[in-house]
Structure formats: structure tokens, C-alpha cells
Amino acid sequence: MTPHTDTIQQQQQRHLLVQLLQKQGITDQRLLRAIAVVPRHLFMPDALQHKAYENKAFPIGEEQTISQPYTVAYMTTLLEVMPGEKILEIGTGSAYQAALLAEMGADVYTIERQKKLFDRYKQFDYLQRYRRLHCFYGDGYKGLPAIAPFDKILITAAPPGIPEELGTQLKTGGWMVAPVGPAGMQRMLRLTKLANGELTEEVFDKFAFVPMLKGKQ
């Protein structure tokens, strides 16, 4: 990964991005502060870093993308992250979302199924500042049962339905946010786990995500 360089111009671009997100309805001040701090350009391929503060998704290799900042902010807003919460993220991808969660003070456990992407994190010096950020190589459908239960779960790829095993790893009263549905277009859901183990759902806007795949690569 690129060494940690962050210019005045890039910092200014982040503040402009924050202003744009505010205009689009993002109001969580702790999240906006995190977006203003975390250098998104470091999470992107060198050739695309000059585009980092555009409100767009970009490829990062292995048929994966770094999500549009608005999408990241929207999902994080639904999660209502609080300091000290134990959060499971399915699909590390670029690790940008995980870094934002850690910047907001959460204990983050993130799983990536693509070995080449996972290996990048070991050499990504910026992530070393987050002692509460823990990266795992594994099958997101299986979660991390040895570390469960989690206060909240965030799925950053689209399953056709909520994986049952992940529901069991959510604590009672906990929330799960996920884009659910077939390829091409999904609905963003927020699910709450009831005392009887059932999940109730709230339905939000439509988004397009890459599919959530089983197994490891």
C-alpha cells in the first residue's frame, strides 16, 4: 500500500466531501468528523487516488470496489455507531468502512474472503493506528462465532437473504444493516434481534452492491 501521505489539498477535498454529504442528508456529526479525518485516497489504487474525494465507487481489484462515500455514510448512519460497541463487518474490501467505524470508537471485527485483499491489510501502515480494528480472512457467511455476540453487524455486499448464522451472532437488541436482494438492485435493511431470536426488519432505500459470495478465495 502507498505510504501515509496526506496533503493540505486532500484534507480540503475531504471537507468539501463532508459538506456534500451533509447536503445529501447525512447528519451524524461523529461520522462526518470521521470522514473528514480518514484519508480515503490511501484506500484506493495509486492510479485512482486523484479521484478519491469524488462521490463515486471505484474498483480496487479482485472484482471488488470501494463504495461511494454516500453509500458508506448512509449505511453507517443506519448503524448508529457508539464508542465501545463490538461490531462485525462482513466484507472488508478496501478497509475504508472498517477504518471509519474504528475512528468512531467501535471495536471492529472485519472479515474478507479474498486472500489478496486480506494480505494488503498486513502491509497497510495506516490501519496500524487502530488498535480496536481486527482483520480476519474467512467466509463472511459463517461470521466469527468464537468472538460473538456482537452489538451490531454490517454487511457490505448483497446476500439474497439474511444469513441465518449471522443472525445467531447478533446479541439480543442488536442491529444488523445489510443490502438484501438479487443482483442489480437491493433494498437496505436494518434488522433488530428480538428476545425470542427473531429478526424484525426496517426497509430503506435501494442500492446496487456486488453479491455476497460464500467460501474463501
Protein backbone atom coordinates (compact mmCIF):
# COMPACT_ATOMS: atom_id res chain seq x y z
CA MET A 1 0.00 0.00 0.00
CA THR A 2 1.04 3.60 -0.52
CA PRO A 3 2.91 5.19 2.42
CA HIS A 4 0.77 7.51 4.52
CA THR A 5 0.84 10.89 2.79
CA ASP A 6 -1.98 13.36 3.22
CA THR A 7 -1.66 16.81 1.66
CA ILE A 8 -3.42 20.04 2.58
CA GLN A 9 -5.29 19.81 -0.72
CA GLN A 10 -6.54 16.31 0.10
CA GLN A 11 -7.67 17.46 3.53
CA GLN A 12 -9.57 20.31 1.91
CA GLN A 13 -11.16 17.87 -0.55
CA ARG A 14 -12.39 15.77 2.39
CA HIS A 15 -14.04 18.78 3.96
CA LEU A 16 -15.80 19.51 0.66
CA LEU A 17 -16.94 15.88 0.58
CA VAL A 18 -18.33 16.24 4.10
CA GLN A 19 -20.26 19.33 3.01
CA LEU A 20 -21.70 17.42 0.04
CA LEU A 21 -22.77 14.53 2.27
CA GLN A 22 -24.47 16.97 4.63
CA LYS A 23 -26.43 18.37 1.70
CA GLN A 24 -27.47 14.80 0.84
CA GLY A 25 -28.94 14.34 4.31
CA ILE A 26 -26.10 12.83 6.36
CA THR A 27 -26.33 14.42 9.82
CA ASP A 28 -24.36 12.13 12.19
CA GLN A 29 -21.66 14.53 13.40
CA ARG A 30 -19.32 11.82 14.70
CA LEU A 31 -19.49 10.07 11.33
CA LEU A 32 -18.88 13.29 9.44
CA ARG A 33 -15.84 14.01 11.62
CA ALA A 34 -14.50 10.54 10.84
CA ILE A 35 -14.95 11.10 7.10
CA ALA A 36 -13.10 14.41 7.46
CA VAL A 37 -10.21 12.62 9.19
CA VAL A 38 -9.78 9.26 7.38
CA PRO A 39 -7.80 9.71 4.12
CA ARG A 40 -9.91 7.79 1.59
CA HIS A 41 -7.21 8.15 -1.06
CA LEU A 42 -4.94 5.77 0.85
CA PHE A 43 -7.52 3.01 0.47
CA MET A 44 -7.51 3.24 -3.32
CA PRO A 45 -5.10 2.13 -6.07
CA ASP A 46 -2.40 4.71 -6.80
CA ALA A 47 -3.78 5.43 -10.27
CA LEU A 48 -7.16 6.44 -8.86
CA GLN A 49 -6.09 8.42 -5.80
CA HIS A 50 -6.67 11.76 -7.52
CA LYS A 51 -10.37 10.81 -7.75
CA ALA A 52 -10.69 9.74 -4.11
CA TYR A 53 -12.94 12.55 -2.96
CA GLU A 54 -15.44 12.26 -5.77
CA ASN A 55 -18.72 10.83 -4.51
CA LYS A 56 -18.30 7.66 -6.57
CA ALA A 57 -17.38 3.99 -6.21
CA PHE A 58 -14.09 2.80 -7.73
CA PRO A 59 -12.50 -0.61 -8.45
CA ILE A 60 -9.84 -1.82 -6.02
CA GLY A 61 -9.00 -5.14 -7.71
CA GLU A 62 -10.25 -8.72 -7.27
CA GLU A 63 -13.60 -7.62 -8.80
CA GLN A 64 -14.26 -5.51 -5.69
CA THR A 65 -14.95 -1.81 -5.23
CA ILE A 66 -14.54 0.90 -2.64
CA SER A 67 -18.13 2.04 -2.14
CA GLN A 68 -19.44 5.50 -2.92
CA PRO A 69 -18.92 7.77 0.13
CA TYR A 70 -22.65 8.48 0.33
CA THR A 71 -23.40 4.74 0.45
CA VAL A 72 -20.83 4.22 3.20
CA ALA A 73 -22.24 7.16 5.16
CA TYR A 74 -25.84 6.00 4.67
CA MET A 75 -25.12 2.50 6.00
CA THR A 76 -23.08 3.81 8.91
CA THR A 77 -25.84 6.26 9.81
CA LEU A 78 -28.36 3.41 9.98
CA LEU A 79 -25.99 1.50 12.27
CA GLU A 80 -25.88 4.42 14.77
CA VAL A 81 -22.35 3.54 15.89
CA MET A 82 -21.46 4.26 19.51
CA PRO A 83 -17.97 4.21 21.10
CA GLY A 84 -17.06 0.84 22.57
CA GLU A 85 -19.60 -1.15 20.60
CA LYS A 86 -18.48 -4.52 19.25
CA ILE A 87 -19.19 -4.51 15.51
CA LEU A 88 -18.80 -7.31 12.97
CA GLU A 89 -18.24 -6.17 9.39
CA ILE A 90 -18.75 -8.69 6.59
CA GLY A 91 -16.61 -7.77 3.58
CA THR A 92 -13.54 -5.68 4.45
CA GLY A 93 -12.95 -4.72 0.82
CA SER A 94 -10.73 -1.63 0.81
CA ALA A 95 -10.93 -1.40 4.66
CA TYR A 96 -12.19 2.19 4.39
CA GLN A 97 -15.52 1.40 6.05
CA ALA A 98 -13.74 -0.51 8.82
CA ALA A 99 -11.41 2.43 9.42
CA LEU A 100 -14.37 4.81 9.75
CA LEU A 101 -16.01 2.53 12.32
CA ALA A 102 -12.75 2.34 14.27
CA GLU A 103 -12.31 6.12 14.03
CA MET A 104 -15.77 6.42 15.62
CA GLY A 105 -14.54 4.37 18.58
CA ALA A 106 -16.04 0.96 17.84
CA ASP A 107 -14.32 -2.38 18.38
CA VAL A 108 -14.32 -3.62 14.78
CA TYR A 109 -14.01 -7.24 13.66
CA THR A 110 -13.94 -7.39 9.88
CA ILE A 111 -13.87 -10.43 7.57
CA GLU A 112 -12.54 -10.60 4.00
CA ARG A 113 -12.90 -13.67 1.75
CA GLN A 114 -10.37 -12.51 -0.88
CA LYS A 115 -6.90 -13.55 0.27
CA LYS A 116 -5.14 -10.99 -1.96
CA LEU A 117 -7.14 -8.16 -0.42
CA PHE A 118 -6.62 -9.52 3.09
CA ASP A 119 -2.85 -9.69 2.55
CA ARG A 120 -2.82 -5.99 1.67
CA TYR A 121 -4.05 -5.04 5.14
CA LYS A 122 -0.94 -6.53 6.74
CA GLN A 123 1.20 -4.01 4.83
CA PHE A 124 -1.19 -1.06 5.19
CA ASP A 125 0.54 1.12 7.74
CA TYR A 126 -2.40 3.49 8.20
CA LEU A 127 -4.54 0.74 9.75
CA GLN A 128 -1.95 0.13 12.48
CA ARG A 129 -3.19 3.21 14.36
CA TYR A 130 -6.46 1.46 15.15
CA ARG A 131 -5.85 -0.98 17.97
CA ARG A 132 -9.57 -1.76 18.02
CA LEU A 133 -9.59 -2.88 14.38
CA HIS A 134 -9.17 -6.64 13.87
CA CYS A 135 -8.98 -8.14 10.35
CA PHE A 136 -9.80 -11.78 9.58
CA TYR A 137 -9.57 -13.94 6.46
CA GLY A 138 -12.65 -16.12 6.18
CA ASP A 139 -16.14 -16.85 4.91
CA GLY A 140 -18.46 -13.97 5.77
CA TYR A 141 -21.48 -16.26 5.76
CA LYS A 142 -20.00 -18.03 8.79
CA GLY A 143 -19.13 -14.83 10.67
CA LEU A 144 -16.94 -15.11 13.78
CA PRO A 145 -18.81 -17.39 16.20
CA ALA A 146 -15.85 -17.60 18.60
CA ILE A 147 -15.99 -13.82 19.14
CA ALA A 148 -19.79 -13.40 19.10
CA PRO A 149 -22.14 -11.99 20.21
CA PHE A 150 -21.85 -8.63 18.50
CA ASP A 151 -23.69 -5.41 19.30
CA LYS A 152 -24.08 -4.72 15.60
CA ILE A 153 -23.33 -6.35 12.25
CA LEU A 154 -22.69 -4.55 8.96
CA ILE A 155 -22.80 -6.47 5.66
CA THR A 156 -21.09 -4.60 2.82
CA ALA A 157 -22.07 -6.96 -0.01
CA ALA A 158 -25.52 -8.16 -1.03
CA PRO A 159 -26.81 -11.55 0.17
CA PRO A 160 -30.07 -12.84 -1.37
CA GLY A 161 -31.37 -13.16 2.19
CA ILE A 162 -30.01 -12.68 5.70
CA PRO A 163 -27.54 -15.50 6.51
CA GLU A 164 -29.01 -17.42 9.45
CA GLU A 165 -25.62 -17.95 11.10
CA LEU A 166 -25.02 -14.21 11.29
CA GLY A 167 -28.39 -13.71 12.98
CA THR A 168 -27.31 -16.08 15.75
CA GLN A 169 -24.16 -14.00 16.33
CA LEU A 170 -26.10 -10.80 16.97
CA LYS A 171 -26.91 -10.03 20.59
CA THR A 172 -30.50 -9.56 21.72
CA GLY A 173 -31.49 -5.99 20.91
CA GLY A 174 -28.63 -5.70 18.43
CA TRP A 175 -28.87 -4.32 14.91
CA MET A 176 -27.78 -5.64 11.53
CA VAL A 177 -27.59 -3.42 8.44
CA ALA A 178 -27.40 -5.09 5.02
CA PRO A 179 -28.31 -4.56 1.35
CA VAL A 180 -30.52 -7.56 0.60
CA GLY A 181 -31.83 -8.81 -2.72
CA PRO A 182 -30.91 -10.13 -6.18
CA ALA A 183 -28.06 -8.84 -8.34
CA GLY A 184 -28.50 -5.37 -9.75
CA MET A 185 -30.58 -3.70 -7.06
CA GLN A 186 -31.14 -4.32 -3.36
CA ARG A 187 -33.05 -2.78 -0.51
CA MET A 188 -31.11 -1.57 2.51
CA LEU A 189 -32.46 -3.30 5.60
CA ARG A 190 -31.96 -2.70 9.30
CA LEU A 191 -32.81 -5.72 11.40
CA THR A 192 -33.29 -5.85 15.15
CA LYS A 193 -32.90 -9.10 17.08
CA LEU A 194 -35.73 -9.81 19.48
CA ALA A 195 -35.52 -11.77 22.74
CA ASN A 196 -37.06 -14.81 21.02
CA GLY A 197 -34.27 -14.80 18.42
CA GLU A 198 -36.38 -13.46 15.57
CA LEU A 199 -35.26 -10.54 13.42
CA THR A 200 -37.62 -7.66 12.68
CA GLU A 201 -36.79 -5.52 9.67
CA GLU A 202 -37.00 -1.91 8.61
CA VAL A 203 -36.76 -1.22 4.87
CA PHE A 204 -34.85 1.76 3.48
CA ASP A 205 -33.57 2.97 0.09
CA LYS A 206 -32.46 0.97 -2.95
CA PHE A 207 -28.77 0.41 -3.68
CA ALA A 208 -26.65 -1.70 -6.02
CA PHE A 209 -23.94 -3.85 -4.39
CA VAL A 210 -21.72 -6.68 -5.52
CA PRO A 211 -23.16 -10.05 -4.43
CA MET A 212 -22.13 -11.61 -1.13
CA LEU A 213 -20.38 -14.89 -2.00
CA LYS A 214 -19.78 -17.98 0.11
CA GLY A 215 -16.42 -19.51 0.83
CA LYS A 216 -12.90 -18.05 0.55
CA GLN A 217 -10.61 -17.26 -2.36
